[in-house]
Amino acid sequence: MGDLTRAQYGGQHGFLFIEPRENPARYDQEFFLALHDWGGHLLASDDGAMTPSYEVATINGRIMGAGEPLRVKQGQQIMLHVLNSSPTEVHWIAFTGHNLRVVALDGNPVATPQVVPMLRLAPAERACALVEMNNPGVWILGEVRKHIQAAGMAIAVEYSNQSGTPRWQQPADLIWTYEQFAGASPREQTGESPHVIPLVFESRFRGHGSMEGWTINGKSFPDASVAPLRAGQRYQLQFINRSADDHPLHLHRHSFELRSLGAALGARQTAVRDGIRGIIKDVVLVNSQTQAEVEFTADNPGATLFHCHQQDHMDMGFMMLFRYA
């Protein structure tokens, strides 16, 4: 609710990293970087509802200059494991003087690794990126947007035998798409069509000075529900976002494949069978007034939480349990 010291607001987060039995990546060092927003208070948005506003933004719990730099050597290849543990905020991260080769999202290898100028991570999203250390100096790795970096979300990266003030080069644009990591779609899909589950997300204004209420198919947690899943069945979740907010949607205990993204509500949909392939995640950011589809196999029986990963939205009902038959 309005206590910004509790739950995800209070920093209750961390890394659990499970090494693959055979790791094809070759790198000299790896760093784990957690992005987080702290403090602040609730502010009234344009529509009168209350939303969190923060005072401090950190990487691994420290603002720029308050902790040790990441120390590297020329010629090394490093792996960055980046987690956005913010309660509510999307973050854009760039590494001045270097590019990021994304090899995994949410712990799953991508179909097509890509070199990108920055990462965009919604709350709970993770990215693993390789970086060639081929530009000696002292550089800044941090949030692209100036006001967020000014709140502290940056860290110095220091080559051996280099010193001086860390350098930052401001990118001109915010650049990111999920689709760039997709694989080639097969011409023919085999097997039975997935069972479709529409999920419609809407907000309810609860009055000036209050947080908005949130519903899935017209109901809030714990009343929101769908028919029980059947073990072994393939499902397509249709995320229909009728609200004015973007939502980082998280399915526990399963991973899903992105199939389509960004279609405006009411627009004619391209056949999903010809859509995106090869991007496996468990969190996806669905923009306001758009529809997206993901598919997963019900292969882990038990009560399974589905929710928006914004803490204020969860608090106000944006959660649901999938149950197995």
Protein backbone atom coordinates (compact mmCIF):
# COMPACT_ATOMS: atom_id res chain seq x y z
CA MET A 1 0.00 0.00 0.00
CA GLY A 2 1.37 3.43 0.93
CA ASP A 3 4.25 2.23 3.12
CA LEU A 4 7.32 2.55 0.87
CA THR A 5 9.54 0.74 3.39
CA ARG A 6 7.85 -2.66 3.06
CA ALA A 7 7.88 -5.59 0.63
CA GLN A 8 9.69 -4.84 -2.64
CA TYR A 9 9.93 -1.14 -1.70
CA GLY A 10 12.22 -2.08 1.18
CA GLY A 11 14.77 -3.93 -0.94
CA GLN A 12 13.80 -7.53 -0.23
CA HIS A 13 15.48 -8.99 -3.29
CA GLY A 14 18.61 -10.79 -4.40
CA PHE A 15 20.16 -13.18 -6.91
CA LEU A 16 19.75 -16.93 -7.20
CA PHE A 17 21.93 -18.03 -10.10
CA ILE A 18 21.89 -21.64 -11.29
CA GLU A 19 24.88 -22.55 -13.44
CA PRO A 20 24.04 -24.62 -16.54
CA ARG A 21 25.74 -28.00 -16.60
CA GLU A 22 27.51 -27.02 -19.80
CA ASN A 23 27.97 -23.28 -20.19
CA PRO A 24 28.86 -22.37 -23.79
CA ALA A 25 29.86 -18.84 -22.83
CA ARG A 26 33.51 -18.07 -22.26
CA TYR A 27 34.29 -15.07 -20.12
CA ASP A 28 36.94 -13.91 -17.69
CA GLN A 29 34.78 -12.26 -15.04
CA GLU A 30 31.10 -11.95 -14.21
CA PHE A 31 29.29 -9.22 -12.27
CA PHE A 32 25.81 -9.25 -10.75
CA LEU A 33 24.08 -5.86 -10.86
CA ALA A 34 20.74 -5.16 -9.15
CA LEU A 35 18.88 -1.95 -10.03
CA HIS A 36 16.64 -0.47 -7.35
CA ASP A 37 14.69 2.67 -6.43
CA TRP A 38 14.36 3.80 -2.81
CA GLY A 39 12.59 6.17 -0.48
CA GLY A 40 10.24 8.83 -1.63
CA HIS A 41 6.49 9.02 -1.19
CA LEU A 42 3.19 8.77 -3.02
CA LEU A 43 2.35 11.51 -5.51
CA ALA A 44 -0.93 12.29 -7.24
CA SER A 45 -0.82 11.53 -10.96
CA ASP A 46 -2.65 13.55 -13.61
CA ASP A 47 -5.84 11.56 -13.01
CA GLY A 48 -5.69 12.09 -9.23
CA ALA A 49 -4.61 8.56 -8.30
CA MET A 50 -1.55 8.03 -6.09
CA THR A 51 1.69 6.57 -7.51
CA PRO A 52 5.14 6.02 -5.94
CA SER A 53 7.89 8.60 -6.46
CA TYR A 54 11.49 7.91 -5.44
CA GLU A 55 14.43 9.92 -4.11
CA VAL A 56 17.36 7.54 -4.67
CA ALA A 57 18.28 5.05 -7.43
CA THR A 58 21.08 2.51 -6.95
CA ILE A 59 23.08 -0.34 -8.42
CA ASN A 60 23.74 -3.03 -5.81
CA GLY A 61 22.39 -0.77 -3.10
CA ARG A 62 24.83 2.11 -3.69
CA ILE A 63 24.70 5.37 -5.56
CA MET A 64 27.42 6.42 -8.00
CA GLY A 65 30.68 7.06 -6.15
CA ALA A 66 29.64 5.39 -2.88
CA GLY A 67 31.01 1.95 -3.69
CA GLU A 68 33.94 0.23 -5.36
CA PRO A 69 34.15 0.28 -9.19
CA LEU A 70 33.97 -2.83 -11.32
CA ARG A 71 37.64 -3.61 -11.99
CA VAL A 72 38.55 -5.12 -15.36
CA LYS A 73 41.56 -5.68 -17.60
CA GLN A 74 42.06 -4.88 -21.26
CA GLY A 75 41.31 -7.87 -23.46
CA GLN A 76 38.94 -9.52 -21.01
CA GLN A 77 35.43 -10.62 -21.82
CA ILE A 78 33.05 -10.00 -18.95
CA MET A 79 29.51 -11.19 -18.30
CA LEU A 80 26.98 -8.80 -16.78
CA HIS A 81 23.94 -10.30 -15.04
CA VAL A 82 21.54 -7.37 -14.64
CA LEU A 83 18.31 -7.52 -12.60
CA ASN A 84 15.74 -4.76 -12.32
CA SER A 85 14.50 -5.14 -8.76
CA SER A 86 12.73 -1.78 -8.73
CA PRO A 87 9.28 -1.88 -7.13
CA THR A 88 7.68 -0.07 -10.06
CA GLU A 89 10.13 1.53 -12.52
CA VAL A 90 11.44 0.50 -15.95
CA HIS A 91 15.17 1.19 -16.37
CA TRP A 92 17.44 1.74 -19.37
CA ILE A 93 21.11 0.81 -18.84
CA ALA A 94 24.09 1.65 -21.08
CA PHE A 95 27.83 1.10 -20.71
CA THR A 96 29.72 4.10 -22.07
CA GLY A 97 32.40 3.23 -24.62
CA HIS A 98 31.22 -0.36 -24.97
CA ASN A 99 28.44 -2.46 -26.49
CA LEU A 100 26.43 -5.20 -24.81
CA ARG A 101 25.96 -8.59 -26.46
CA VAL A 102 22.75 -9.97 -24.99
CA VAL A 103 22.87 -13.77 -24.74
CA ALA A 104 20.01 -14.50 -22.31
CA LEU A 105 16.79 -12.93 -21.02
CA ASP A 106 15.17 -14.00 -17.74
CA GLY A 107 17.69 -16.82 -17.47
CA ASN A 108 16.88 -18.31 -20.89
CA PRO A 109 19.33 -18.19 -23.83
CA VAL A 110 17.98 -16.04 -26.67
CA ALA A 111 17.51 -17.52 -30.12
CA THR A 112 19.60 -14.76 -31.72
CA PRO A 113 22.19 -13.00 -29.52
CA GLN A 114 22.48 -9.34 -30.46
CA VAL A 115 24.92 -6.50 -29.81
CA VAL A 116 22.91 -3.59 -28.43
CA PRO A 117 23.74 -0.08 -27.16
CA MET A 118 21.58 -0.44 -24.03
CA LEU A 119 19.28 -2.69 -22.06
CA ARG A 120 15.67 -1.96 -21.18
CA LEU A 121 14.51 -3.86 -18.11
CA ALA A 122 11.05 -3.69 -16.59
CA PRO A 123 10.62 -4.67 -12.93
CA ALA A 124 11.74 -8.32 -12.40
CA GLU A 125 13.30 -8.65 -15.85
CA ARG A 126 16.86 -9.98 -16.11
CA ALA A 127 19.42 -9.82 -18.90
CA CYS A 128 22.82 -11.48 -19.35
CA ALA A 129 25.19 -9.58 -21.62
CA LEU A 130 28.79 -10.17 -22.70
CA VAL A 131 31.11 -7.18 -23.06
CA GLU A 132 34.52 -7.03 -24.76
CA MET A 133 36.87 -4.91 -22.67
CA ASN A 134 38.63 -3.21 -25.57
CA ASN A 135 38.47 0.49 -24.69
CA PRO A 136 40.81 1.31 -21.75
CA GLY A 137 39.80 4.05 -19.37
CA VAL A 138 37.40 4.70 -16.52
CA TRP A 139 33.81 4.56 -17.71
CA ILE A 140 30.27 4.80 -16.37
CA LEU A 141 27.71 2.02 -16.60
CA GLY A 142 24.36 3.47 -15.68
CA GLU A 143 20.80 4.57 -16.33
CA VAL A 144 20.45 6.36 -19.67
CA ARG A 145 17.89 8.93 -18.52
CA LYS A 146 19.71 11.86 -16.93
CA HIS A 147 17.41 12.43 -13.96
CA ILE A 148 17.60 8.76 -12.89
CA GLN A 149 21.39 8.66 -13.20
CA ALA A 150 21.52 11.90 -11.21
CA ALA A 151 19.60 10.10 -8.44
CA GLY A 152 22.51 7.65 -8.23
CA MET A 153 21.90 4.76 -10.62
CA ALA A 154 25.41 4.32 -12.04
CA ILE A 155 28.67 2.53 -11.29
CA ALA A 156 32.24 3.12 -12.46
CA VAL A 157 34.07 0.50 -14.54
CA GLU A 158 37.83 0.88 -14.17
CA TYR A 159 40.50 -0.75 -16.34
CA SER A 160 43.71 -1.74 -14.60
CA ASN A 161 46.37 0.99 -14.63
CA GLN A 162 43.73 3.61 -15.47
CA SER A 163 42.50 6.45 -13.28
CA GLY A 164 40.61 9.70 -13.44
CA THR A 165 37.02 10.88 -13.49
CA PRO A 166 34.63 8.27 -14.92
CA ARG A 167 33.38 9.23 -18.39
CA TRP A 168 29.79 9.19 -19.62
CA GLN A 169 28.55 9.68 -23.18
CA GLN A 170 24.84 10.45 -23.37
CA PRO A 171 22.94 8.29 -25.91
CA ALA A 172 20.63 10.23 -28.18
CA ASP A 173 17.70 7.81 -28.05
CA LEU A 174 16.17 5.01 -26.01
CA ILE A 175 16.54 1.86 -28.15
CA TRP A 176 15.13 -1.58 -27.38
CA THR A 177 12.88 -4.29 -28.84
CA TYR A 178 12.24 -7.86 -27.79
CA GLU A 179 11.84 -8.96 -31.39
CA GLN A 180 15.52 -8.45 -32.24
CA PHE A 181 16.35 -11.61 -30.26
CA ALA A 182 13.87 -13.87 -32.05
CA GLY A 183 14.76 -16.81 -34.24
CA ALA A 184 13.51 -17.64 -37.70
CA SER A 185 9.87 -18.72 -37.60
CA PRO A 186 9.29 -22.19 -39.03
CA ARG A 187 7.09 -22.21 -42.12
CA GLU A 188 4.77 -24.83 -40.74
CA GLN A 189 3.68 -25.32 -37.17
CA THR A 190 2.92 -28.86 -36.04
CA GLY A 191 0.89 -30.20 -33.16
CA GLU A 192 -2.42 -29.11 -31.69
CA SER A 193 -3.32 -25.46 -31.43
CA PRO A 194 -2.89 -24.04 -27.91
CA HIS A 195 -5.89 -23.43 -25.68
CA VAL A 196 -6.51 -19.66 -25.60
CA ILE A 197 -7.00 -17.80 -22.30
CA PRO A 198 -7.93 -14.11 -22.71
CA LEU A 199 -6.79 -11.88 -19.82
CA VAL A 200 -8.14 -8.32 -19.85
CA PHE A 201 -6.42 -5.74 -17.60
CA GLU A 202 -8.27 -2.63 -16.45
CA SER A 203 -8.00 -0.03 -13.69
CA ARG A 204 -10.65 1.33 -11.38
CA PHE A 205 -10.39 4.86 -10.09
CA ARG A 206 -10.94 4.73 -6.33
CA GLY A 207 -10.98 8.44 -5.67
CA HIS A 208 -8.53 11.30 -5.33
CA GLY A 209 -5.76 10.46 -2.87
CA SER A 210 -6.15 6.70 -3.35
CA MET A 211 -4.26 4.11 -5.36
CA GLU A 212 -6.05 2.75 -8.43
CA GLY A 213 -7.70 -0.64 -8.16
CA TRP A 214 -6.78 -3.27 -10.75
CA THR A 215 -8.72 -6.12 -12.31
CA ILE A 216 -8.09 -9.20 -14.44
CA ASN A 217 -11.20 -10.08 -16.47
CA GLY A 218 -13.20 -7.72 -14.27
CA LYS A 219 -12.13 -9.11 -10.88
CA SER A 220 -9.35 -8.39 -8.40
CA PHE A 221 -7.26 -10.81 -6.33
CA PRO A 222 -8.28 -13.16 -4.75
CA ASP A 223 -11.47 -13.37 -6.84
CA ALA A 224 -9.87 -13.27 -10.30
CA SER A 225 -9.66 -16.75 -11.82
CA VAL A 226 -9.79 -18.83 -15.00
CA ALA A 227 -10.60 -22.49 -15.65
CA PRO A 228 -8.05 -24.91 -14.16
CA LEU A 229 -5.03 -25.81 -16.29
CA ARG A 230 -4.55 -29.37 -17.47
CA ALA A 231 -1.06 -30.83 -17.14
CA GLY A 232 0.67 -31.22 -20.50
CA GLN A 233 -1.69 -28.83 -22.32
CA ARG A 234 -0.26 -25.97 -24.35
CA TYR A 235 -1.82 -22.58 -23.56
CA GLN A 236 -1.82 -19.18 -25.20
CA LEU A 237 -2.30 -16.24 -22.84
CA GLN A 238 -3.74 -13.16 -24.50
CA PHE A 239 -2.64 -10.08 -22.56
CA ILE A 240 -5.22 -7.39 -23.37
CA ASN A 241 -4.12 -4.16 -21.71
CA ARG A 242 -7.03 -1.72 -21.71
CA SER A 243 -5.42 0.51 -19.11
CA ALA A 244 -3.37 3.70 -19.45
CA ASP A 245 -0.31 2.01 -17.86
CA ASP A 246 2.36 -0.34 -19.17
CA HIS A 247 2.54 -3.60 -17.19
CA PRO A 248 5.46 -5.98 -16.51
CA LEU A 249 3.57 -9.28 -16.40
CA HIS A 250 5.13 -12.21 -14.54
CA LEU A 251 4.16 -15.88 -14.58
CA HIS A 252 5.66 -17.91 -11.74
CA ARG A 253 6.93 -21.51 -11.99
CA HIS A 254 6.83 -21.55 -15.83
CA SER A 255 8.54 -19.86 -18.75
CA PHE A 256 6.62 -18.70 -21.81
CA GLU A 257 7.45 -18.01 -25.44
CA LEU A 258 6.67 -14.55 -26.81
CA ARG A 259 4.41 -14.88 -29.86
CA SER A 260 3.15 -11.37 -30.62
CA LEU A 261 3.63 -7.91 -29.13
CA GLY A 262 2.41 -4.37 -29.45
CA ALA A 263 -0.78 -4.74 -31.50
CA ALA A 264 -3.09 -1.78 -30.86
CA LEU A 265 -6.41 -2.77 -29.36
CA GLY A 266 -9.03 -3.01 -32.05
CA ALA A 267 -6.47 -3.43 -34.82
CA ARG A 268 -6.61 -6.49 -37.02
CA GLN A 269 -4.28 -9.11 -35.54
CA THR A 270 -1.60 -10.85 -37.59
CA ALA A 271 -1.93 -14.61 -37.22
CA VAL A 272 0.02 -15.57 -34.12
CA ARG A 273 1.19 -18.80 -35.74
CA ASP A 274 3.35 -16.62 -38.01
CA GLY A 275 4.62 -14.44 -35.18
CA ILE A 276 7.67 -14.24 -32.94
CA ARG A 277 9.65 -17.40 -32.16
CA GLY A 278 12.50 -18.35 -29.86
CA ILE A 279 12.25 -15.74 -27.06
CA ILE A 280 11.61 -17.56 -23.78
CA LYS A 281 10.90 -15.40 -20.72
CA ASP A 282 8.82 -15.23 -17.57
CA VAL A 283 8.28 -11.43 -17.53
CA VAL A 284 7.12 -9.29 -20.44
CA LEU A 285 6.30 -5.58 -20.56
CA VAL A 286 2.95 -5.01 -22.29
CA ASN A 287 2.35 -1.42 -23.33
CA SER A 288 -0.77 0.58 -22.63
CA GLN A 289 -3.69 -0.04 -24.99
CA THR A 290 -1.98 -2.96 -26.71
CA GLN A 291 -2.37 -6.72 -26.88
CA ALA A 292 0.32 -9.39 -26.66
CA GLU A 293 0.31 -13.18 -26.78
CA VAL A 294 2.58 -15.69 -25.08
CA GLU A 295 2.49 -19.49 -25.04
CA PHE A 296 3.53 -22.01 -22.41
CA THR A 297 3.08 -25.66 -21.55
CA ALA A 298 1.40 -26.47 -18.24
CA ASP A 299 4.20 -28.75 -17.04
CA ASN A 300 4.57 -27.81 -13.35
CA PRO A 301 1.36 -28.73 -11.46
CA GLY A 302 0.45 -26.58 -8.49
CA ALA A 303 -0.94 -23.16 -7.65
CA THR A 304 0.86 -20.67 -9.91
CA LEU A 305 0.89 -16.93 -9.31
CA PHE A 306 0.41 -14.52 -12.20
CA HIS A 307 0.67 -10.77 -11.57
CA CYS A 308 1.85 -7.37 -12.65
CA HIS A 309 5.27 -6.90 -11.06
CA GLN A 310 4.62 -3.29 -10.04
CA GLN A 311 4.25 -3.42 -6.26
CA ASP A 312 1.48 -0.80 -6.20
CA HIS A 313 -0.51 -2.73 -8.80
CA MET A 314 -0.12 -6.02 -6.91
CA ASP A 315 -1.22 -4.31 -3.70
CA MET A 316 -4.41 -3.17 -5.41
CA GLY A 317 -5.51 -6.49 -6.85
CA PHE A 318 -3.45 -7.16 -10.00
CA MET A 319 -2.79 -10.82 -9.19
CA MET A 320 -4.36 -14.19 -9.97
CA LEU A 321 -3.66 -17.85 -9.24
CA PHE A 322 -3.65 -20.37 -12.04
CA ARG A 323 -4.65 -23.74 -10.62
CA TYR A 324 -4.26 -27.19 -12.14
CA ALA A 325 -7.15 -29.60 -12.58
